[in-house]
Amino acid sequence: MKHLLAGDDGAVAAQDRRRDRATLRLSRPIARSFPSRRPEPLRDLDRRIFEDLSKSFGELLDDELYARGGGHSFIDMAGELLDSLDGPLPPLERLLLAYHIFDSCPLEVAGCYIANRYPGAPEVHSVSGQGVGAGFTALRILQAPSRAAPEKGAVLVIDQTTLPFRDRDLHSDPIIDAAVLLTSGDADAMLELESLTEGIALDPGTALRAHAAQDPDLLIIMGRELCKRLRPLSNGDFGTQFVAGAADQLCTSAWAALADHWDPDRRILVADFDPCAERLFEAWLRPVSCW
């Protein structure tokens, strides 16, 4: 499994709105959340791995903190989500895992497990290192080969909460274990990925209001971190064009809200905000019939 870490501005174009390419079509996301259960205590090699990880972050391994986690590994969540789908899984060419907190079971290879569930022997990548931006970058990677022809692929966005040392995003405002599956292909009731944009945004609220004013029918779905950033600035609700993602989800917040508010006949903007880098991530979706 290949691991991709977000780099500097040169590694990811800030804006890409060109339409002279085959576009990626997405079906309605499948979202699942998982009730908390007590994790098994860390033992043997798993424990030694987490002890080394804790030291690398300047922390001591905290068994009590680990025991308060959600208790679901990547394979646990992926397996339950895939088992809930109707019919056989479609063949894939590429599969991407997108997350902030790494797997609670470091000896398991979740990418290989999920790839083996799908026909087509998909190539597997892992995207992390940028908080809520992981899902957006995963879509950018999935979109890249589609300049010539759309690729059949999937992105699995994952929030897992079992960690034996403190993480600001996880422990400042608690989140739940959750997963969202985004799948591309040629099925009915799809939206096209019009463009992906990202860049420094010191005032994301103004940018979003401008989008809404330019297109009164646009639906804007905001992830948790973006909602947190706008809360002290917005003095309440932005209006009926705006939808807030779940406050107890991180990377999955905006994408789960997209599943709840899916409309193949409406242009949709999915957005979230990385408070560390002050970057606004935007995924623009349009009805297939628009172009």
Protein backbone atom coordinates (compact mmCIF):
# COMPACT_ATOMS: atom_id res chain seq x y z
CA MET A 1 0.00 0.00 0.00
CA LYS A 2 1.41 3.38 -0.98
CA HIS A 3 1.29 6.20 1.57
CA LEU A 4 0.92 9.79 0.38
CA LEU A 5 1.62 12.71 2.70
CA ALA A 6 0.43 16.22 1.91
CA GLY A 7 3.27 18.48 0.96
CA ASP A 8 3.74 22.16 0.16
CA ASP A 9 1.81 24.35 -2.24
CA GLY A 10 3.92 23.12 -5.13
CA ALA A 11 2.73 19.55 -4.58
CA VAL A 12 -0.97 20.40 -4.88
CA ALA A 13 -2.33 23.04 -7.23
CA ALA A 14 -4.35 25.64 -5.38
CA GLN A 15 -7.05 25.80 -8.01
CA ASP A 16 -8.07 23.58 -10.89
CA ARG A 17 -11.25 24.59 -12.71
CA ARG A 18 -10.37 23.44 -16.20
CA ARG A 19 -13.22 21.63 -17.91
CA ASP A 20 -11.35 20.24 -20.90
CA ARG A 21 -11.06 16.78 -19.38
CA ALA A 22 -13.15 13.73 -18.66
CA THR A 23 -14.81 14.35 -15.31
CA LEU A 24 -15.06 12.04 -12.35
CA ARG A 25 -18.61 10.99 -11.50
CA LEU A 26 -19.52 10.17 -7.92
CA SER A 27 -22.45 8.19 -6.60
CA ARG A 28 -24.17 9.02 -3.33
CA PRO A 29 -21.74 8.45 -0.43
CA ILE A 30 -22.34 5.65 2.05
CA ALA A 31 -21.86 6.87 5.62
CA ARG A 32 -21.69 4.86 8.83
CA SER A 33 -20.99 5.73 12.45
CA PHE A 34 -20.03 3.12 15.03
CA PRO A 35 -21.09 2.96 18.70
CA SER A 36 -18.23 3.15 21.16
CA ARG A 37 -16.91 -0.08 22.65
CA ARG A 38 -14.02 -0.65 25.03
CA PRO A 39 -10.82 -1.44 23.11
CA GLU A 40 -8.75 -4.49 23.93
CA PRO A 41 -5.73 -3.52 26.09
CA LEU A 42 -2.47 -2.94 24.24
CA ARG A 43 -0.18 -5.94 24.41
CA ASP A 44 3.05 -7.31 22.93
CA LEU A 45 4.14 -5.84 19.59
CA ASP A 46 1.16 -3.49 19.33
CA ARG A 47 2.15 -2.00 22.67
CA ARG A 48 5.79 -1.60 21.69
CA ILE A 49 4.78 0.12 18.44
CA PHE A 50 2.59 2.61 20.28
CA GLU A 51 5.27 3.20 22.92
CA ASP A 52 7.69 4.16 20.15
CA LEU A 53 5.05 6.36 18.49
CA SER A 54 4.27 8.07 21.80
CA LYS A 55 7.96 8.86 22.35
CA SER A 56 8.28 10.26 18.83
CA PHE A 57 5.51 12.76 19.72
CA GLY A 58 7.13 13.56 23.08
CA GLU A 59 4.34 11.79 24.97
CA LEU A 60 4.01 8.90 27.38
CA LEU A 61 1.74 5.99 26.50
CA ASP A 62 -1.58 6.49 28.30
CA ASP A 63 -3.55 3.26 28.73
CA GLU A 64 -6.50 5.06 30.29
CA LEU A 65 -6.79 7.43 27.35
CA TYR A 66 -6.54 4.50 24.93
CA ALA A 67 -9.34 2.67 26.80
CA ARG A 68 -11.66 5.67 26.29
CA GLY A 69 -11.38 5.37 22.49
CA GLY A 70 -14.13 4.15 20.20
CA GLY A 71 -12.60 0.69 19.86
CA HIS A 72 -12.98 0.18 16.09
CA SER A 73 -10.04 -0.45 13.78
CA PHE A 74 -9.99 0.51 10.11
CA ILE A 75 -10.79 -3.09 9.13
CA ASP A 76 -13.65 -3.24 11.65
CA MET A 77 -15.30 -0.16 10.15
CA ALA A 78 -14.56 -0.94 6.51
CA GLY A 79 -15.80 -4.51 6.88
CA GLU A 80 -19.07 -3.49 8.51
CA LEU A 81 -19.67 -0.74 5.94
CA LEU A 82 -18.99 -3.03 2.95
CA ASP A 83 -21.11 -5.80 4.45
CA SER A 84 -24.06 -3.39 4.61
CA LEU A 85 -24.05 -2.66 0.87
CA ASP A 86 -26.61 -4.24 -1.44
CA GLY A 87 -25.39 -6.45 -4.27
CA PRO A 88 -21.86 -7.35 -5.33
CA LEU A 89 -19.08 -4.78 -5.04
CA PRO A 90 -18.07 -3.16 -8.36
CA PRO A 91 -14.61 -3.66 -9.88
CA LEU A 92 -12.18 -0.88 -8.92
CA GLU A 93 -8.95 0.37 -10.43
CA ARG A 94 -7.87 2.50 -7.46
CA LEU A 95 -8.73 2.70 -3.76
CA LEU A 96 -7.70 5.46 -1.38
CA LEU A 97 -7.90 5.56 2.41
CA ALA A 98 -8.14 9.10 3.84
CA TYR A 99 -7.79 9.84 7.57
CA HIS A 100 -6.24 11.99 10.27
CA ILE A 101 -5.69 9.48 13.10
CA PHE A 102 -3.87 6.33 11.97
CA ASP A 103 -5.19 2.82 12.57
CA SER A 104 -5.63 1.61 16.14
CA CYS A 105 -4.33 -1.81 15.01
CA PRO A 106 -0.92 -1.03 13.45
CA LEU A 107 -0.23 -4.66 12.52
CA GLU A 108 -3.33 -4.88 10.35
CA VAL A 109 -3.07 -3.79 6.70
CA ALA A 110 -6.47 -2.26 6.10
CA GLY A 111 -5.77 -1.26 2.50
CA CYS A 112 -4.97 -4.82 1.48
CA TYR A 113 -8.05 -6.14 3.30
CA ILE A 114 -10.36 -3.68 1.53
CA ALA A 115 -8.69 -4.21 -1.86
CA ASN A 116 -9.22 -7.95 -1.51
CA ARG A 117 -12.93 -7.33 -0.94
CA TYR A 118 -13.24 -5.64 -4.34
CA PRO A 119 -12.89 -7.26 -7.76
CA GLY A 120 -10.35 -5.74 -10.10
CA ALA A 121 -7.26 -5.83 -7.84
CA PRO A 122 -7.33 -2.06 -7.19
CA GLU A 123 -4.14 -0.12 -6.54
CA VAL A 124 -4.24 1.16 -2.94
CA HIS A 125 -3.04 4.47 -1.52
CA SER A 126 -3.23 6.04 1.92
CA VAL A 127 -3.61 9.80 2.44
CA SER A 128 -2.97 11.53 5.78
CA GLY A 129 -1.07 14.40 7.34
CA GLN A 130 -3.51 17.27 6.72
CA GLY A 131 -6.47 16.77 9.01
CA VAL A 132 -9.82 17.29 7.30
CA GLY A 133 -8.11 17.87 3.96
CA ALA A 134 -7.35 14.16 3.55
CA GLY A 135 -10.62 13.31 1.81
CA PHE A 136 -10.27 16.23 -0.61
CA THR A 137 -6.72 15.25 -1.57
CA ALA A 138 -7.80 11.63 -2.03
CA LEU A 139 -10.41 12.79 -4.54
CA ARG A 140 -7.76 14.87 -6.31
CA ILE A 141 -5.58 11.76 -6.67
CA LEU A 142 -8.53 9.73 -7.91
CA GLN A 143 -9.40 12.47 -10.40
CA ALA A 144 -5.87 12.90 -11.80
CA PRO A 145 -5.83 9.98 -14.27
CA SER A 146 -9.30 10.94 -15.49
CA ARG A 147 -7.93 13.61 -17.83
CA ALA A 148 -8.05 10.93 -20.53
CA ALA A 149 -10.86 8.74 -19.21
CA PRO A 150 -12.75 8.48 -15.92
CA GLU A 151 -11.31 5.99 -13.48
CA LYS A 152 -13.37 3.52 -11.46
CA GLY A 153 -12.25 4.03 -7.92
CA ALA A 154 -13.26 4.69 -4.35
CA VAL A 155 -12.23 6.84 -1.40
CA LEU A 156 -12.83 5.60 2.14
CA VAL A 157 -12.70 8.49 4.61
CA ILE A 158 -12.16 7.27 8.17
CA ASP A 159 -12.32 8.74 11.68
CA GLN A 160 -10.98 6.45 14.39
CA THR A 161 -10.61 7.57 17.99
CA THR A 162 -8.50 4.98 19.83
CA LEU A 163 -5.11 6.55 20.56
CA PRO A 164 -2.81 6.18 23.61
CA PHE A 165 -1.53 9.77 23.55
CA ARG A 166 -3.20 13.14 23.16
CA ASP A 167 -4.08 14.63 19.79
CA ARG A 168 -5.50 18.13 19.65
CA ASP A 169 -8.10 17.44 16.97
CA LEU A 170 -9.25 14.22 18.60
CA HIS A 171 -9.31 15.17 22.26
CA SER A 172 -10.15 18.90 22.30
CA ASP A 173 -13.64 18.24 20.91
CA PRO A 174 -14.34 14.49 21.08
CA ILE A 175 -15.25 12.66 17.90
CA ILE A 176 -16.77 9.25 17.16
CA ASP A 177 -15.62 6.36 15.01
CA ALA A 178 -17.08 6.85 11.53
CA ALA A 179 -16.46 6.02 7.87
CA VAL A 180 -17.72 7.38 4.54
CA LEU A 181 -17.32 5.59 1.19
CA LEU A 182 -17.17 7.71 -1.99
CA THR A 183 -17.34 5.68 -5.20
CA SER A 184 -16.86 6.76 -8.81
CA GLY A 185 -18.26 5.06 -11.89
CA ASP A 186 -21.16 5.29 -14.31
CA ALA A 187 -24.24 4.56 -12.20
CA ASP A 188 -27.42 6.62 -12.24
CA ALA A 189 -28.09 9.56 -9.89
CA MET A 190 -24.49 10.74 -9.96
CA LEU A 191 -22.82 14.12 -9.58
CA GLU A 192 -19.72 15.17 -11.51
CA LEU A 193 -16.66 16.44 -9.70
CA GLU A 194 -16.46 19.85 -11.37
CA SER A 195 -13.30 20.97 -9.57
CA LEU A 196 -11.27 20.85 -6.38
CA THR A 197 -9.82 24.01 -4.89
CA GLU A 198 -7.71 24.71 -1.83
CA GLY A 199 -5.75 27.64 -0.50
CA ILE A 200 -5.09 29.99 2.38
CA ALA A 201 -8.36 31.59 3.55
CA LEU A 202 -8.12 34.00 6.46
CA ASP A 203 -11.81 34.83 6.02
CA PRO A 204 -13.58 31.70 4.72
CA GLY A 205 -16.98 33.06 5.67
CA THR A 206 -16.71 35.88 3.14
CA ALA A 207 -15.63 33.44 0.44
CA LEU A 208 -18.57 31.14 1.10
CA ARG A 209 -21.09 33.98 1.17
CA ALA A 210 -19.74 35.13 -2.19
CA HIS A 211 -20.25 31.64 -3.62
CA ALA A 212 -23.83 31.62 -2.33
CA ALA A 213 -24.55 35.05 -3.80
CA GLN A 214 -23.22 34.06 -7.22
CA ASP A 215 -25.41 30.93 -7.36
CA PRO A 216 -28.63 31.14 -5.26
CA ASP A 217 -29.35 27.45 -5.92
CA LEU A 218 -25.93 26.28 -4.70
CA LEU A 219 -25.97 24.02 -1.64
CA ILE A 220 -22.92 24.54 0.59
CA ILE A 221 -22.03 21.70 2.96
CA MET A 222 -19.59 22.67 5.71
CA GLY A 223 -17.48 20.21 7.71
CA ARG A 224 -16.86 20.42 11.44
CA GLU A 225 -13.65 22.45 11.38
CA LEU A 226 -15.11 25.00 8.99
CA CYS A 227 -18.19 25.37 11.19
CA LYS A 228 -15.94 25.90 14.22
CA ARG A 229 -14.01 28.59 12.39
CA LEU A 230 -17.18 30.39 11.32
CA ARG A 231 -19.02 30.10 14.64
CA PRO A 232 -17.61 33.26 16.23
CA LEU A 233 -17.89 35.16 12.95
CA SER A 234 -21.32 34.21 11.67
CA ASN A 235 -23.59 35.23 14.57
CA GLY A 236 -25.77 32.24 13.91
CA ASP A 237 -27.11 30.55 10.83
CA PHE A 238 -25.68 31.41 7.42
CA GLY A 239 -28.98 30.71 5.70
CA THR A 240 -30.84 27.94 3.94
CA GLN A 241 -28.09 27.40 1.37
CA PHE A 242 -25.73 26.21 4.11
CA VAL A 243 -25.65 22.81 5.85
CA ALA A 244 -23.45 22.04 8.86
CA GLY A 245 -21.74 18.66 9.17
CA ALA A 246 -21.75 16.66 12.38
CA ALA A 247 -19.84 18.27 15.26
CA ASP A 248 -18.68 14.87 16.56
CA GLN A 249 -16.93 13.82 13.34
CA LEU A 250 -13.66 15.11 11.89
CA CYS A 251 -12.56 14.00 8.41
CA THR A 252 -15.95 12.38 7.77
CA SER A 253 -18.09 15.34 8.89
CA ALA A 254 -18.60 17.07 5.53
CA TRP A 255 -18.82 13.83 3.52
CA ALA A 256 -21.42 12.26 5.82
CA ALA A 257 -23.47 15.46 5.48
CA LEU A 258 -23.16 15.12 1.70
CA ALA A 259 -24.67 11.63 1.97
CA ASP A 260 -27.59 13.05 3.98
CA HIS A 261 -28.23 15.95 1.58
CA TRP A 262 -27.43 14.27 -1.74
CA ASP A 263 -29.25 15.83 -4.70
CA PRO A 264 -28.20 14.75 -8.22
CA ASP A 265 -30.14 17.70 -9.68
CA ARG A 266 -28.38 20.43 -7.72
CA ARG A 267 -24.91 21.97 -7.71
CA ILE A 268 -23.19 21.28 -4.38
CA LEU A 269 -20.08 22.65 -2.71
CA VAL A 270 -18.47 20.49 -0.01
CA ALA A 271 -16.04 22.52 2.10
CA ASP A 272 -13.90 22.22 5.22
CA PHE A 273 -11.08 24.12 6.88
CA ASP A 274 -7.68 23.18 8.29
CA PRO A 275 -7.13 25.54 11.25
CA CYS A 276 -3.41 24.76 11.51
CA ALA A 277 -2.58 25.77 7.94
CA GLU A 278 -5.62 28.07 7.57
CA ARG A 279 -6.49 26.33 4.32
CA LEU A 280 -9.98 26.12 2.88
CA PHE A 281 -10.74 22.90 0.98
CA GLU A 282 -13.56 22.89 -1.56
CA ALA A 283 -15.03 20.14 -3.73
CA TRP A 284 -17.46 21.43 -6.38
CA LEU A 285 -20.07 18.95 -7.63
CA ARG A 286 -22.54 19.51 -10.46
CA PRO A 287 -25.39 17.54 -12.03
CA VAL A 288 -24.25 15.30 -14.85
CA SER A 289 -26.71 17.01 -17.19
CA CYS A 290 -25.17 20.47 -16.68
CA TRP A 291 -22.50 20.14 -19.35
